[in-house]
Amino acid sequence: MPAFPLFIDLTGRKVLVFGGGQVALRKIQTLLLFQASVEVSAPKLCEELEAMIDGGTVKKAEITINFDGEEVPSVMDVFMVICATDNEIFNHRMAKKCRDMQIPVNSATSAADSDFIFPSAVVRGDIVCGVTSSGNVPVLTKKIREMIDGALPEWYGELSRRLVYARLIVKNHIGSQKKRGELLRVLADYGLSHEGSIPDEIIWKEIQHAKEAGL
């Protein structure tokens, strides 16, 4: 069955990642896009992760884990866990332990051991496109993400920010919810045709037109 897409706020929430290689690195880089508080546990870290720890972007987890999967703490104060080692036995045992502690867990080596799918994401400001093949065909997921990444210009992030700003102003000056929606669609079309730019004078001009029309 396809996985249900669920978008959540990770700002400041602690995410524990097991693994110090390229798979863990990619997942951590994605988590950092969403302001998660990332801690990593691994007997050996790749150079990029070492640099992140040295720079304070990522923390080294203050727990001791035996990667043979025998020594696991009875309590882990984390919001979620990512098992991204290349040790399938460890990932399986850790995932089971997390489930016993009711901690959402994702395993890079087994969809069956995962409570959620870690998507391939494209981010443009507040706009987030998450892609998954429900854990079954990672290569297809990557291809689709690359297609979306190429189709969405970077200025979509600015477009989103300007529309959020415009929405606040329009809400204070146009009474009808239906007409507010129509006006915002006009502004969105303007931004799409001007690479994300919606100057203040355009916002106020459209509001004035709406008022003159008795909206």
N, C-alpha and C. Protein backbone atom coordinates (compact mmCIF):
# COMPACT_ATOMS: atom_id res chain seq x y z
N MET A 1 0.84 -1.19 0.00
CA MET A 1 0.00 0.00 0.00
C MET A 1 0.88 1.25 0.00
N PRO A 2 0.43 2.33 -0.67
CA PRO A 2 1.21 3.57 -0.64
C PRO A 2 1.21 4.18 0.75
N ALA A 3 2.28 4.89 1.07
CA ALA A 3 2.41 5.52 2.39
C ALA A 3 1.69 6.86 2.39
N PHE A 4 1.02 7.18 3.49
CA PHE A 4 0.30 8.44 3.63
C PHE A 4 1.30 9.57 3.90
N PRO A 5 1.24 10.67 3.13
CA PRO A 5 2.17 11.78 3.36
C PRO A 5 1.75 12.61 4.57
N LEU A 6 2.68 12.81 5.50
CA LEU A 6 2.40 13.58 6.71
C LEU A 6 3.53 14.58 6.92
N PHE A 7 3.19 15.87 6.95
CA PHE A 7 4.20 16.90 7.14
C PHE A 7 4.11 17.41 8.58
N ILE A 8 5.25 17.41 9.29
CA ILE A 8 5.25 17.82 10.69
C ILE A 8 6.36 18.86 10.93
N ASP A 9 6.21 19.60 12.01
CA ASP A 9 7.19 20.62 12.38
C ASP A 9 8.30 19.97 13.20
N LEU A 10 9.53 20.01 12.68
CA LEU A 10 10.67 19.43 13.39
C LEU A 10 11.51 20.48 14.11
N THR A 11 11.10 21.73 14.08
CA THR A 11 11.90 22.81 14.66
C THR A 11 12.28 22.52 16.11
N GLY A 12 13.57 22.41 16.36
CA GLY A 12 14.07 22.20 17.72
C GLY A 12 13.85 20.81 18.28
N ARG A 13 13.22 19.93 17.54
CA ARG A 13 12.95 18.59 18.07
C ARG A 13 14.18 17.69 17.86
N LYS A 14 14.47 16.89 18.88
CA LYS A 14 15.68 16.07 18.85
C LYS A 14 15.47 14.82 17.99
N VAL A 15 16.34 14.67 17.02
CA VAL A 15 16.32 13.48 16.17
C VAL A 15 17.66 12.78 16.30
N LEU A 16 17.64 11.52 16.66
CA LEU A 16 18.85 10.73 16.85
C LEU A 16 19.09 9.89 15.60
N VAL A 17 20.27 10.04 15.01
CA VAL A 17 20.64 9.30 13.81
C VAL A 17 21.77 8.34 14.13
N PHE A 18 21.56 7.07 13.85
CA PHE A 18 22.61 6.07 13.99
C PHE A 18 23.26 5.86 12.63
N GLY A 19 24.57 5.98 12.60
CA GLY A 19 25.30 5.81 11.36
C GLY A 19 26.15 7.03 11.06
N GLY A 20 27.32 6.80 10.49
CA GLY A 20 28.24 7.91 10.23
C GLY A 20 28.72 7.99 8.80
N GLY A 21 28.03 7.29 7.89
CA GLY A 21 28.44 7.29 6.49
C GLY A 21 27.62 8.23 5.62
N GLN A 22 27.65 7.99 4.32
CA GLN A 22 26.99 8.87 3.36
C GLN A 22 25.47 8.81 3.46
N VAL A 23 24.92 7.66 3.79
CA VAL A 23 23.46 7.56 3.94
C VAL A 23 23.01 8.41 5.12
N ALA A 24 23.71 8.28 6.24
CA ALA A 24 23.38 9.11 7.41
C ALA A 24 23.56 10.59 7.10
N LEU A 25 24.62 10.91 6.38
CA LEU A 25 24.89 12.31 6.02
C LEU A 25 23.74 12.90 5.22
N ARG A 26 23.27 12.18 4.21
CA ARG A 26 22.18 12.70 3.38
C ARG A 26 20.91 12.92 4.21
N LYS A 27 20.62 12.00 5.10
CA LYS A 27 19.42 12.15 5.92
C LYS A 27 19.57 13.32 6.89
N ILE A 28 20.76 13.49 7.44
CA ILE A 28 21.00 14.60 8.36
C ILE A 28 20.90 15.93 7.63
N GLN A 29 21.44 16.00 6.43
CA GLN A 29 21.36 17.24 5.65
C GLN A 29 19.90 17.62 5.39
N THR A 30 19.06 16.62 5.14
CA THR A 30 17.64 16.90 4.95
C THR A 30 16.99 17.36 6.25
N LEU A 31 17.29 16.69 7.35
CA LEU A 31 16.72 17.07 8.65
C LEU A 31 17.08 18.50 9.02
N LEU A 32 18.29 18.92 8.70
CA LEU A 32 18.73 20.27 9.05
C LEU A 32 17.98 21.33 8.26
N LEU A 33 17.47 20.99 7.09
CA LEU A 33 16.65 21.93 6.32
C LEU A 33 15.40 22.32 7.09
N PHE A 34 14.98 21.45 8.01
CA PHE A 34 13.74 21.67 8.76
C PHE A 34 14.01 22.02 10.23
N GLN A 35 15.26 22.46 10.50
CA GLN A 35 15.63 22.99 11.82
C GLN A 35 15.52 21.96 12.94
N ALA A 36 15.70 20.69 12.60
CA ALA A 36 15.72 19.67 13.65
C ALA A 36 17.00 19.78 14.46
N SER A 37 16.94 19.34 15.72
CA SER A 37 18.13 19.26 16.57
C SER A 37 18.69 17.85 16.44
N VAL A 38 19.74 17.72 15.64
CA VAL A 38 20.22 16.39 15.25
C VAL A 38 21.39 15.95 16.11
N GLU A 39 21.31 14.71 16.60
CA GLU A 39 22.42 14.07 17.29
C GLU A 39 22.77 12.79 16.52
N VAL A 40 24.05 12.49 16.45
CA VAL A 40 24.49 11.34 15.67
C VAL A 40 25.31 10.40 16.53
N SER A 41 25.09 9.10 16.34
CA SER A 41 25.83 8.08 17.07
C SER A 41 26.42 7.10 16.07
N ALA A 42 27.73 6.96 16.11
CA ALA A 42 28.43 6.02 15.22
C ALA A 42 29.85 5.83 15.72
N PRO A 43 30.41 4.64 15.55
CA PRO A 43 31.80 4.43 15.97
C PRO A 43 32.78 5.19 15.08
N LYS A 44 32.36 5.52 13.86
CA LYS A 44 33.22 6.27 12.94
C LYS A 44 32.35 7.17 12.09
N LEU A 45 32.79 8.43 11.92
CA LEU A 45 32.03 9.42 11.17
C LEU A 45 32.79 9.82 9.90
N CYS A 46 32.04 10.07 8.84
CA CYS A 46 32.68 10.58 7.62
C CYS A 46 33.16 12.01 7.87
N GLU A 47 34.01 12.51 7.00
CA GLU A 47 34.61 13.83 7.18
C GLU A 47 33.56 14.93 7.26
N GLU A 48 32.52 14.83 6.44
CA GLU A 48 31.48 15.85 6.43
C GLU A 48 30.75 15.93 7.78
N LEU A 49 30.47 14.77 8.38
CA LEU A 49 29.80 14.76 9.68
C LEU A 49 30.73 15.25 10.78
N GLU A 50 32.01 14.90 10.69
CA GLU A 50 32.98 15.42 11.66
C GLU A 50 33.00 16.95 11.61
N ALA A 51 32.96 17.50 10.39
CA ALA A 51 32.97 18.96 10.23
C ALA A 51 31.70 19.57 10.80
N MET A 52 30.57 18.91 10.63
CA MET A 52 29.31 19.42 11.17
C MET A 52 29.34 19.45 12.70
N ILE A 53 29.93 18.42 13.29
CA ILE A 53 30.04 18.37 14.75
C ILE A 53 31.00 19.46 15.24
N ASP A 54 32.13 19.60 14.57
CA ASP A 54 33.09 20.63 14.94
C ASP A 54 32.48 22.03 14.83
N GLY A 55 31.61 22.21 13.83
CA GLY A 55 30.98 23.51 13.62
C GLY A 55 29.74 23.74 14.46
N GLY A 56 29.31 22.72 15.21
CA GLY A 56 28.16 22.87 16.08
C GLY A 56 26.82 22.68 15.39
N THR A 57 26.83 22.28 14.12
CA THR A 57 25.57 22.07 13.41
C THR A 57 24.88 20.80 13.87
N VAL A 58 25.70 19.81 14.21
CA VAL A 58 25.20 18.51 14.67
C VAL A 58 25.93 18.17 15.96
N LYS A 59 25.25 17.48 16.86
CA LYS A 59 25.85 17.06 18.12
C LYS A 59 26.21 15.58 18.09
N LYS A 60 27.27 15.23 18.79
CA LYS A 60 27.61 13.82 18.99
C LYS A 60 26.73 13.31 20.12
N ALA A 61 26.01 12.23 19.90
CA ALA A 61 25.09 11.69 20.90
C ALA A 61 25.83 11.27 22.15
N GLU A 62 25.24 11.61 23.30
CA GLU A 62 25.87 11.28 24.58
C GLU A 62 25.37 9.95 25.11
N ILE A 63 25.21 8.98 24.24
CA ILE A 63 24.82 7.64 24.66
C ILE A 63 25.79 6.66 24.05
N THR A 64 25.99 5.56 24.74
CA THR A 64 26.90 4.53 24.27
C THR A 64 26.10 3.38 23.68
N ILE A 65 26.37 3.09 22.44
CA ILE A 65 25.66 2.00 21.77
C ILE A 65 26.67 0.98 21.28
N ASN A 66 26.42 -0.26 21.60
CA ASN A 66 27.20 -1.36 21.05
C ASN A 66 26.60 -1.72 19.69
N PHE A 67 27.35 -1.53 18.62
CA PHE A 67 26.78 -1.75 17.30
C PHE A 67 26.59 -3.22 16.96
N ASP A 68 26.85 -4.10 17.92
CA ASP A 68 26.42 -5.48 17.77
C ASP A 68 24.96 -5.61 18.18
N GLY A 69 24.40 -4.50 18.70
CA GLY A 69 22.98 -4.46 19.00
C GLY A 69 22.61 -4.99 20.36
N GLU A 70 23.57 -5.20 21.25
CA GLU A 70 23.26 -5.79 22.55
C GLU A 70 23.02 -4.76 23.64
N GLU A 71 23.72 -3.63 23.58
CA GLU A 71 23.61 -2.63 24.65
C GLU A 71 22.83 -1.42 24.14
N VAL A 72 21.59 -1.33 24.57
CA VAL A 72 20.72 -0.22 24.17
C VAL A 72 20.14 0.40 25.43
N PRO A 73 20.17 1.74 25.56
CA PRO A 73 19.61 2.37 26.76
C PRO A 73 18.12 2.09 26.89
N SER A 74 17.65 2.01 28.13
CA SER A 74 16.24 1.70 28.37
C SER A 74 15.33 2.86 28.02
N VAL A 75 15.88 4.09 28.02
CA VAL A 75 15.11 5.28 27.70
C VAL A 75 15.93 6.17 26.79
N MET A 76 15.31 6.69 25.75
CA MET A 76 15.97 7.67 24.89
C MET A 76 15.05 8.88 24.75
N ASP A 77 15.53 10.04 25.19
CA ASP A 77 14.74 11.26 25.17
C ASP A 77 14.85 11.92 23.80
N VAL A 78 14.19 11.34 22.81
CA VAL A 78 14.26 11.86 21.45
C VAL A 78 12.86 11.84 20.82
N PHE A 79 12.69 12.66 19.80
CA PHE A 79 11.41 12.73 19.10
C PHE A 79 11.28 11.60 18.08
N MET A 80 12.39 11.30 17.40
CA MET A 80 12.40 10.20 16.45
C MET A 80 13.82 9.68 16.27
N VAL A 81 13.91 8.51 15.69
CA VAL A 81 15.21 7.86 15.48
C VAL A 81 15.34 7.44 14.01
N ILE A 82 16.53 7.65 13.47
CA ILE A 82 16.85 7.21 12.11
C ILE A 82 17.97 6.18 12.21
N CYS A 83 17.73 4.97 11.75
CA CYS A 83 18.75 3.93 11.73
C CYS A 83 19.36 3.89 10.33
N ALA A 84 20.53 4.50 10.19
CA ALA A 84 21.14 4.65 8.86
C ALA A 84 22.52 4.01 8.79
N THR A 85 22.72 2.94 9.57
CA THR A 85 23.99 2.22 9.48
C THR A 85 23.91 1.21 8.34
N ASP A 86 25.04 0.61 7.99
CA ASP A 86 25.03 -0.45 6.98
C ASP A 86 24.94 -1.83 7.63
N ASN A 87 24.67 -1.83 8.93
CA ASN A 87 24.54 -3.07 9.69
C ASN A 87 23.05 -3.39 9.84
N GLU A 88 22.55 -4.29 9.00
CA GLU A 88 21.12 -4.58 9.00
C GLU A 88 20.64 -5.15 10.33
N ILE A 89 21.49 -5.95 10.97
CA ILE A 89 21.10 -6.55 12.26
C ILE A 89 20.94 -5.46 13.31
N PHE A 90 21.91 -4.53 13.35
CA PHE A 90 21.81 -3.43 14.31
C PHE A 90 20.57 -2.60 14.03
N ASN A 91 20.35 -2.23 12.78
CA ASN A 91 19.19 -1.41 12.43
C ASN A 91 17.89 -2.09 12.86
N HIS A 92 17.81 -3.40 12.63
CA HIS A 92 16.61 -4.15 13.00
C HIS A 92 16.40 -4.15 14.51
N ARG A 93 17.46 -4.42 15.25
CA ARG A 93 17.34 -4.48 16.71
C ARG A 93 17.02 -3.11 17.30
N MET A 94 17.66 -2.08 16.75
CA MET A 94 17.40 -0.73 17.25
C MET A 94 15.97 -0.30 16.92
N ALA A 95 15.51 -0.63 15.73
CA ALA A 95 14.14 -0.29 15.36
C ALA A 95 13.14 -0.96 16.28
N LYS A 96 13.39 -2.23 16.59
CA LYS A 96 12.50 -2.96 17.51
C LYS A 96 12.50 -2.30 18.89
N LYS A 97 13.69 -1.91 19.36
CA LYS A 97 13.79 -1.27 20.66
C LYS A 97 13.03 0.06 20.67
N CYS A 98 13.16 0.83 19.59
CA CYS A 98 12.44 2.10 19.50
C CYS A 98 10.94 1.89 19.54
N ARG A 99 10.49 0.88 18.82
CA ARG A 99 9.05 0.60 18.83
C ARG A 99 8.58 0.19 20.22
N ASP A 100 9.41 -0.57 20.94
CA ASP A 100 9.06 -0.94 22.32
C ASP A 100 8.92 0.30 23.19
N MET A 101 9.73 1.33 22.90
CA MET A 101 9.68 2.58 23.66
C MET A 101 8.74 3.61 23.03
N GLN A 102 8.02 3.19 21.98
CA GLN A 102 7.05 4.04 21.29
C GLN A 102 7.70 5.31 20.72
N ILE A 103 8.91 5.13 20.20
CA ILE A 103 9.61 6.21 19.51
C ILE A 103 9.53 5.95 18.01
N PRO A 104 8.99 6.88 17.23
CA PRO A 104 8.94 6.67 15.78
C PRO A 104 10.33 6.43 15.21
N VAL A 105 10.45 5.44 14.34
CA VAL A 105 11.76 5.05 13.85
C VAL A 105 11.70 4.79 12.34
N ASN A 106 12.80 5.13 11.68
CA ASN A 106 12.96 4.81 10.27
C ASN A 106 14.25 4.02 10.10
N SER A 107 14.17 2.95 9.35
CA SER A 107 15.35 2.14 9.06
C SER A 107 15.70 2.28 7.59
N ALA A 108 16.97 2.59 7.32
CA ALA A 108 17.43 2.74 5.94
C ALA A 108 17.54 1.40 5.23
N THR A 109 17.51 0.31 5.98
CA THR A 109 17.70 -1.01 5.37
C THR A 109 16.44 -1.87 5.36
N SER A 110 15.34 -1.38 5.94
CA SER A 110 14.13 -2.20 5.96
C SER A 110 12.88 -1.35 6.12
N ALA A 111 12.03 -1.35 5.11
CA ALA A 111 10.76 -0.64 5.20
C ALA A 111 9.87 -1.27 6.28
N ALA A 112 10.01 -2.58 6.46
CA ALA A 112 9.19 -3.28 7.45
C ALA A 112 9.54 -2.85 8.87
N ASP A 113 10.78 -2.38 9.07
CA ASP A 113 11.21 -1.92 10.39
C ASP A 113 10.96 -0.42 10.58
N SER A 114 10.27 0.22 9.66
CA SER A 114 10.09 1.66 9.71
C SER A 114 8.65 2.04 10.05
N ASP A 115 8.50 2.98 10.98
CA ASP A 115 7.19 3.52 11.29
C ASP A 115 6.79 4.61 10.30
N PHE A 116 7.78 5.18 9.64
CA PHE A 116 7.52 6.23 8.66
C PHE A 116 8.57 6.16 7.57
N ILE A 117 8.24 6.71 6.43
CA ILE A 117 9.16 6.75 5.30
C ILE A 117 9.92 8.07 5.33
N PHE A 118 11.23 8.00 5.18
CA PHE A 118 12.04 9.21 5.09
C PHE A 118 12.04 9.65 3.62
N PRO A 119 11.35 10.75 3.30
CA PRO A 119 11.17 11.09 1.89
C PRO A 119 12.39 11.75 1.28
N SER A 120 12.42 11.77 -0.02
CA SER A 120 13.36 12.59 -0.76
C SER A 120 12.66 13.93 -0.95
N ALA A 121 13.29 15.01 -0.50
CA ALA A 121 12.59 16.30 -0.41
C ALA A 121 13.20 17.37 -1.31
N VAL A 122 12.32 18.20 -1.84
CA VAL A 122 12.71 19.41 -2.55
C VAL A 122 12.12 20.58 -1.77
N VAL A 123 12.96 21.54 -1.39
CA VAL A 123 12.53 22.63 -0.52
C VAL A 123 12.78 23.97 -1.21
N ARG A 124 11.75 24.79 -1.25
CA ARG A 124 11.85 26.16 -1.76
C ARG A 124 11.16 27.06 -0.74
N GLY A 125 11.90 27.57 0.23
CA GLY A 125 11.28 28.36 1.28
C GLY A 125 10.31 27.51 2.07
N ASP A 126 9.03 27.94 2.12
CA ASP A 126 8.00 27.18 2.82
C ASP A 126 7.40 26.09 1.96
N ILE A 127 7.78 26.03 0.71
CA ILE A 127 7.25 25.02 -0.19
C ILE A 127 8.08 23.75 -0.08
N VAL A 128 7.43 22.65 0.24
CA VAL A 128 8.12 21.37 0.41
C VAL A 128 7.44 20.31 -0.43
N CYS A 129 8.21 19.66 -1.27
CA CYS A 129 7.71 18.52 -2.05
C CYS A 129 8.43 17.27 -1.55
N GLY A 130 7.67 16.36 -0.96
CA GLY A 130 8.24 15.11 -0.50
C GLY A 130 7.90 13.98 -1.46
N VAL A 131 8.90 13.18 -1.82
CA VAL A 131 8.70 12.10 -2.79
C VAL A 131 9.09 10.77 -2.16
N THR A 132 8.26 9.77 -2.37
CA THR A 132 8.61 8.44 -1.89
C THR A 132 7.97 7.39 -2.78
N SER A 133 8.61 6.25 -2.88
CA SER A 133 8.01 5.09 -3.54
C SER A 133 7.54 4.12 -2.46
N SER A 134 7.21 4.68 -1.28
CA SER A 134 6.79 3.90 -0.11
C SER A 134 7.87 2.92 0.33
N GLY A 135 9.13 3.33 0.11
CA GLY A 135 10.27 2.54 0.55
C GLY A 135 10.65 1.40 -0.37
N ASN A 136 10.01 1.31 -1.54
CA ASN A 136 10.22 0.14 -2.39
C ASN A 136 11.23 0.32 -3.52
N VAL A 137 11.27 1.52 -4.12
CA VAL A 137 12.15 1.73 -5.28
C VAL A 137 12.91 3.05 -5.10
N PRO A 138 13.96 3.08 -4.29
CA PRO A 138 14.69 4.32 -4.02
C PRO A 138 15.22 5.01 -5.28
N VAL A 139 15.64 4.23 -6.27
CA VAL A 139 16.21 4.84 -7.47
C VAL A 139 15.14 5.65 -8.22
N LEU A 140 13.90 5.17 -8.21
CA LEU A 140 12.81 5.91 -8.85
C LEU A 140 12.48 7.17 -8.05
N THR A 141 12.49 7.03 -6.73
CA THR A 141 12.26 8.20 -5.88
C THR A 141 13.28 9.30 -6.18
N LYS A 142 14.53 8.91 -6.31
CA LYS A 142 15.59 9.88 -6.60
C LYS A 142 15.37 10.55 -7.95
N LYS A 143 15.00 9.77 -8.96
CA LYS A 143 14.77 10.33 -10.29
C LYS A 143 13.63 11.35 -10.27
N ILE A 144 12.55 11.02 -9.58
CA ILE A 144 11.41 11.93 -9.52
C ILE A 144 11.79 13.20 -8.77
N ARG A 145 12.55 13.05 -7.68
CA ARG A 145 13.00 14.23 -6.94
C ARG A 145 13.83 15.14 -7.83
N GLU A 146 14.70 14.55 -8.63
CA GLU A 146 15.54 15.34 -9.53
C GLU A 146 14.68 16.08 -10.57
N MET A 147 13.62 15.44 -11.03
CA MET A 147 12.72 16.09 -11.98
C MET A 147 12.02 17.28 -11.34
N ILE A 148 11.54 17.10 -10.11
CA ILE A 148 10.87 18.20 -9.41
C ILE A 148 11.85 19.32 -9.10
N ASP A 149 13.05 18.94 -8.69
CA ASP A 149 14.08 19.93 -8.36
C ASP A 149 14.39 20.79 -9.58
N GLY A 150 14.44 20.18 -10.76
CA GLY A 150 14.71 20.94 -11.97
C GLY A 150 13.54 21.78 -12.43
N ALA A 151 12.32 21.38 -12.02
CA ALA A 151 11.12 22.09 -12.47
C ALA A 151 10.76 23.27 -11.59
N LEU A 152 11.25 23.31 -10.35
CA LEU A 152 10.90 24.38 -9.42
C LEU A 152 12.08 25.34 -9.25
N PRO A 153 12.00 26.54 -9.82
CA PRO A 153 13.08 27.51 -9.65
C PRO A 153 13.26 27.91 -8.19
N GLU A 154 14.45 28.36 -7.85
CA GLU A 154 14.73 28.78 -6.48
C GLU A 154 13.82 29.93 -6.03
N TRP A 155 13.39 30.77 -7.00
CA TRP A 155 12.58 31.93 -6.61
C TRP A 155 11.17 31.55 -6.12
N TYR A 156 10.81 30.29 -6.19
CA TYR A 156 9.53 29.88 -5.61
C TYR A 156 9.50 30.13 -4.10
N GLY A 157 10.66 30.07 -3.47
CA GLY A 157 10.72 30.38 -2.04
C GLY A 157 10.35 31.82 -1.78
N GLU A 158 10.87 32.75 -2.59
CA GLU A 158 10.53 34.16 -2.45
C GLU A 158 9.06 34.39 -2.78
N LEU A 159 8.55 33.71 -3.79
CA LEU A 159 7.13 33.81 -4.13
C LEU A 159 6.26 33.42 -2.94
N SER A 160 6.60 32.35 -2.27
CA SER A 160 5.85 31.92 -1.10
C SER A 160 5.88 32.98 0.00
N ARG A 161 7.06 33.53 0.26
CA ARG A 161 7.18 34.56 1.31
C ARG A 161 6.35 35.80 0.96
N ARG A 162 6.37 36.23 -0.28
CA ARG A 162 5.62 37.41 -0.68
C ARG A 162 4.11 37.17 -0.59
N LEU A 163 3.67 35.96 -0.92
CA LEU A 163 2.24 35.66 -0.84
C LEU A 163 1.77 35.56 0.61
N VAL A 164 2.62 35.07 1.50
CA VAL A 164 2.27 35.07 2.92
C VAL A 164 2.09 36.52 3.41
N TYR A 165 3.01 37.38 3.02
CA TYR A 165 2.94 38.80 3.37
C TYR A 165 1.68 39.43 2.77
N ALA A 166 1.42 39.16 1.50
CA ALA A 166 0.26 39.73 0.83
C ALA A 166 -1.04 39.24 1.47
N ARG A 167 -1.07 37.99 1.87
CA ARG A 167 -2.28 37.41 2.47
C ARG A 167 -2.66 38.15 3.75
N LEU A 168 -1.65 38.50 4.56
CA LEU A 168 -1.93 39.23 5.80
C LEU A 168 -2.56 40.59 5.50
N ILE A 169 -2.04 41.29 4.50
CA ILE A 169 -2.57 42.61 4.15
C ILE A 169 -3.97 42.49 3.57
N VAL A 170 -4.14 41.55 2.64
CA VAL A 170 -5.45 41.37 2.00
C VAL A 170 -6.51 41.01 3.02
N LYS A 171 -6.15 40.16 3.99
CA LYS A 171 -7.11 39.73 5.01
C LYS A 171 -7.63 40.91 5.83
N ASN A 172 -6.79 41.94 6.00
CA ASN A 172 -7.19 43.10 6.80
C ASN A 172 -7.99 44.13 6.00
N HIS A 173 -8.07 43.96 4.68
CA HIS A 173 -8.72 44.98 3.86
C HIS A 173 -9.87 44.46 3.00
N ILE A 174 -9.98 43.16 2.85
CA ILE A 174 -11.06 42.59 2.05
C ILE A 174 -11.90 41.68 2.93
N GLY A 175 -13.18 41.97 3.03
CA GLY A 175 -14.04 41.24 3.96
C GLY A 175 -14.44 39.86 3.50
N SER A 176 -14.69 39.69 2.22
CA SER A 176 -15.18 38.42 1.70
C SER A 176 -14.05 37.41 1.54
N GLN A 177 -14.24 36.24 2.15
CA GLN A 177 -13.23 35.19 2.01
C GLN A 177 -13.07 34.76 0.56
N LYS A 178 -14.17 34.67 -0.15
CA LYS A 178 -14.12 34.29 -1.56
C LYS A 178 -13.33 35.31 -2.37
N LYS A 179 -13.57 36.58 -2.13
CA LYS A 179 -12.89 37.62 -2.89
C LYS A 179 -11.41 37.71 -2.50
N ARG A 180 -11.12 37.40 -1.24
CA ARG A 180 -9.71 37.36 -0.83
C ARG A 180 -8.98 36.28 -1.62
N GLY A 181 -9.63 35.13 -1.76
CA GLY A 181 -9.02 34.05 -2.53
C GLY A 181 -8.79 34.44 -3.98
N GLU A 182 -9.78 35.13 -4.58
CA GLU A 182 -9.64 35.56 -5.96
C GLU A 182 -8.49 36.55 -6.11
N LEU A 183 -8.38 37.49 -5.16
CA LEU A 183 -7.32 38.49 -5.21
C LEU A 183 -5.95 37.84 -5.05
N LEU A 184 -5.85 36.89 -4.15
CA LEU A 184 -4.57 36.21 -3.94
C LEU A 184 -4.17 35.37 -5.15
N ARG A 185 -5.15 34.83 -5.85
CA ARG A 185 -4.83 34.10 -7.08
C ARG A 185 -4.27 35.04 -8.14
N VAL A 186 -4.81 36.27 -8.19
CA VAL A 186 -4.28 37.27 -9.12
C VAL A 186 -2.83 37.60 -8.76
N LEU A 187 -2.57 37.77 -7.47
CA LEU A 187 -1.21 38.09 -7.03
C LEU A 187 -0.26 36.92 -7.27
N ALA A 188 -0.75 35.69 -7.08
CA ALA A 188 0.08 34.51 -7.33
C ALA A 188 0.45 34.42 -8.81
N ASP A 189 -0.53 34.70 -9.68
CA ASP A 189 -0.24 34.69 -11.12
C ASP A 189 0.78 35.76 -11.48
N TYR A 190 0.67 36.92 -10.84
CA TYR A 190 1.64 37.99 -11.09
C TYR A 190 3.04 37.52 -10.67
N GLY A 191 3.14 36.94 -9.46
CA GLY A 191 4.43 36.47 -8.97
C GLY A 191 5.03 35.38 -9.84
N LEU A 192 4.19 34.49 -10.35
CA LEU A 192 4.68 33.41 -11.21
C LEU A 192 5.23 33.95 -12.54
N SER A 193 4.69 35.05 -12.99
CA SER A 193 5.15 35.62 -14.26
C SER A 193 6.27 36.64 -14.06
N HIS A 194 6.64 36.90 -12.78
CA HIS A 194 7.71 37.87 -12.50
C HIS A 194 8.76 37.26 -11.56
N GLU A 195 8.98 35.95 -11.71
CA GLU A 195 10.04 35.24 -10.97
C GLU A 195 9.97 35.49 -9.46
N GLY A 196 8.76 35.42 -8.93
CA GLY A 196 8.57 35.50 -7.49
C GLY A 196 8.39 36.89 -6.94
N SER A 197 8.61 37.90 -7.74
CA SER A 197 8.51 39.29 -7.27
C SER A 197 7.05 39.77 -7.27
N ILE A 198 6.59 40.27 -6.11
CA ILE A 198 5.28 40.91 -6.00
C ILE A 198 5.49 42.19 -5.20
N PRO A 199 5.81 43.29 -5.84
CA PRO A 199 6.08 44.55 -5.12
C PRO A 199 4.87 45.01 -4.32
N ASP A 200 5.14 45.79 -3.27
CA ASP A 200 4.07 46.31 -2.43
C ASP A 200 3.06 47.10 -3.24
N GLU A 201 3.55 47.89 -4.22
CA GLU A 201 2.63 48.72 -4.98
C GLU A 201 1.64 47.88 -5.78
N ILE A 202 2.06 46.69 -6.20
CA ILE A 202 1.14 45.80 -6.92
C ILE A 202 0.09 45.26 -5.97
N ILE A 203 0.50 44.90 -4.76
CA ILE A 203 -0.45 44.39 -3.76
C ILE A 203 -1.51 45.44 -3.46
N TRP A 204 -1.07 46.68 -3.21
CA TRP A 204 -2.01 47.74 -2.86
C TRP A 204 -2.86 48.13 -4.06
N LYS A 205 -2.31 48.07 -5.24
CA LYS A 205 -3.07 48.37 -6.45
C LYS A 205 -4.23 47.39 -6.61
N GLU A 206 -3.96 46.10 -6.41
CA GLU A 206 -5.01 45.10 -6.55
C GLU A 206 -6.05 45.23 -5.43
N ILE A 207 -5.60 45.59 -4.24
CA ILE A 207 -6.55 45.81 -3.14
C ILE A 207 -7.46 46.99 -3.47
N GLN A 208 -6.87 48.05 -4.00
CA GLN A 208 -7.66 49.21 -4.37
C GLN A 208 -8.68 48.89 -5.45
N HIS A 209 -8.28 48.11 -6.44
CA HIS A 209 -9.21 47.69 -7.48
C HIS A 209 -10.36 46.90 -6.89
N ALA A 210 -10.03 46.03 -5.94
CA ALA A 210 -11.07 45.22 -5.30
C ALA A 210 -12.03 46.10 -4.52
N LYS A 211 -11.51 47.10 -3.82
CA LYS A 211 -12.38 48.00 -3.06
C LYS A 211 -13.28 48.82 -3.98
N GLU A 212 -12.72 49.27 -5.08
CA GLU A 212 -13.51 50.06 -6.03
C GLU A 212 -14.63 49.22 -6.64
N ALA A 213 -14.40 47.92 -6.70
CA ALA A 213 -15.42 47.01 -7.22
C ALA A 213 -16.43 46.63 -6.15
N GLY A 214 -16.25 47.20 -4.94
CA GLY A 214 -17.18 46.96 -3.86
C GLY A 214 -17.05 45.63 -3.18
N LEU A 215 -15.82 45.09 -3.15
CA LEU A 215 -15.61 43.78 -2.52
C LEU A 215 -15.45 43.91 -1.02
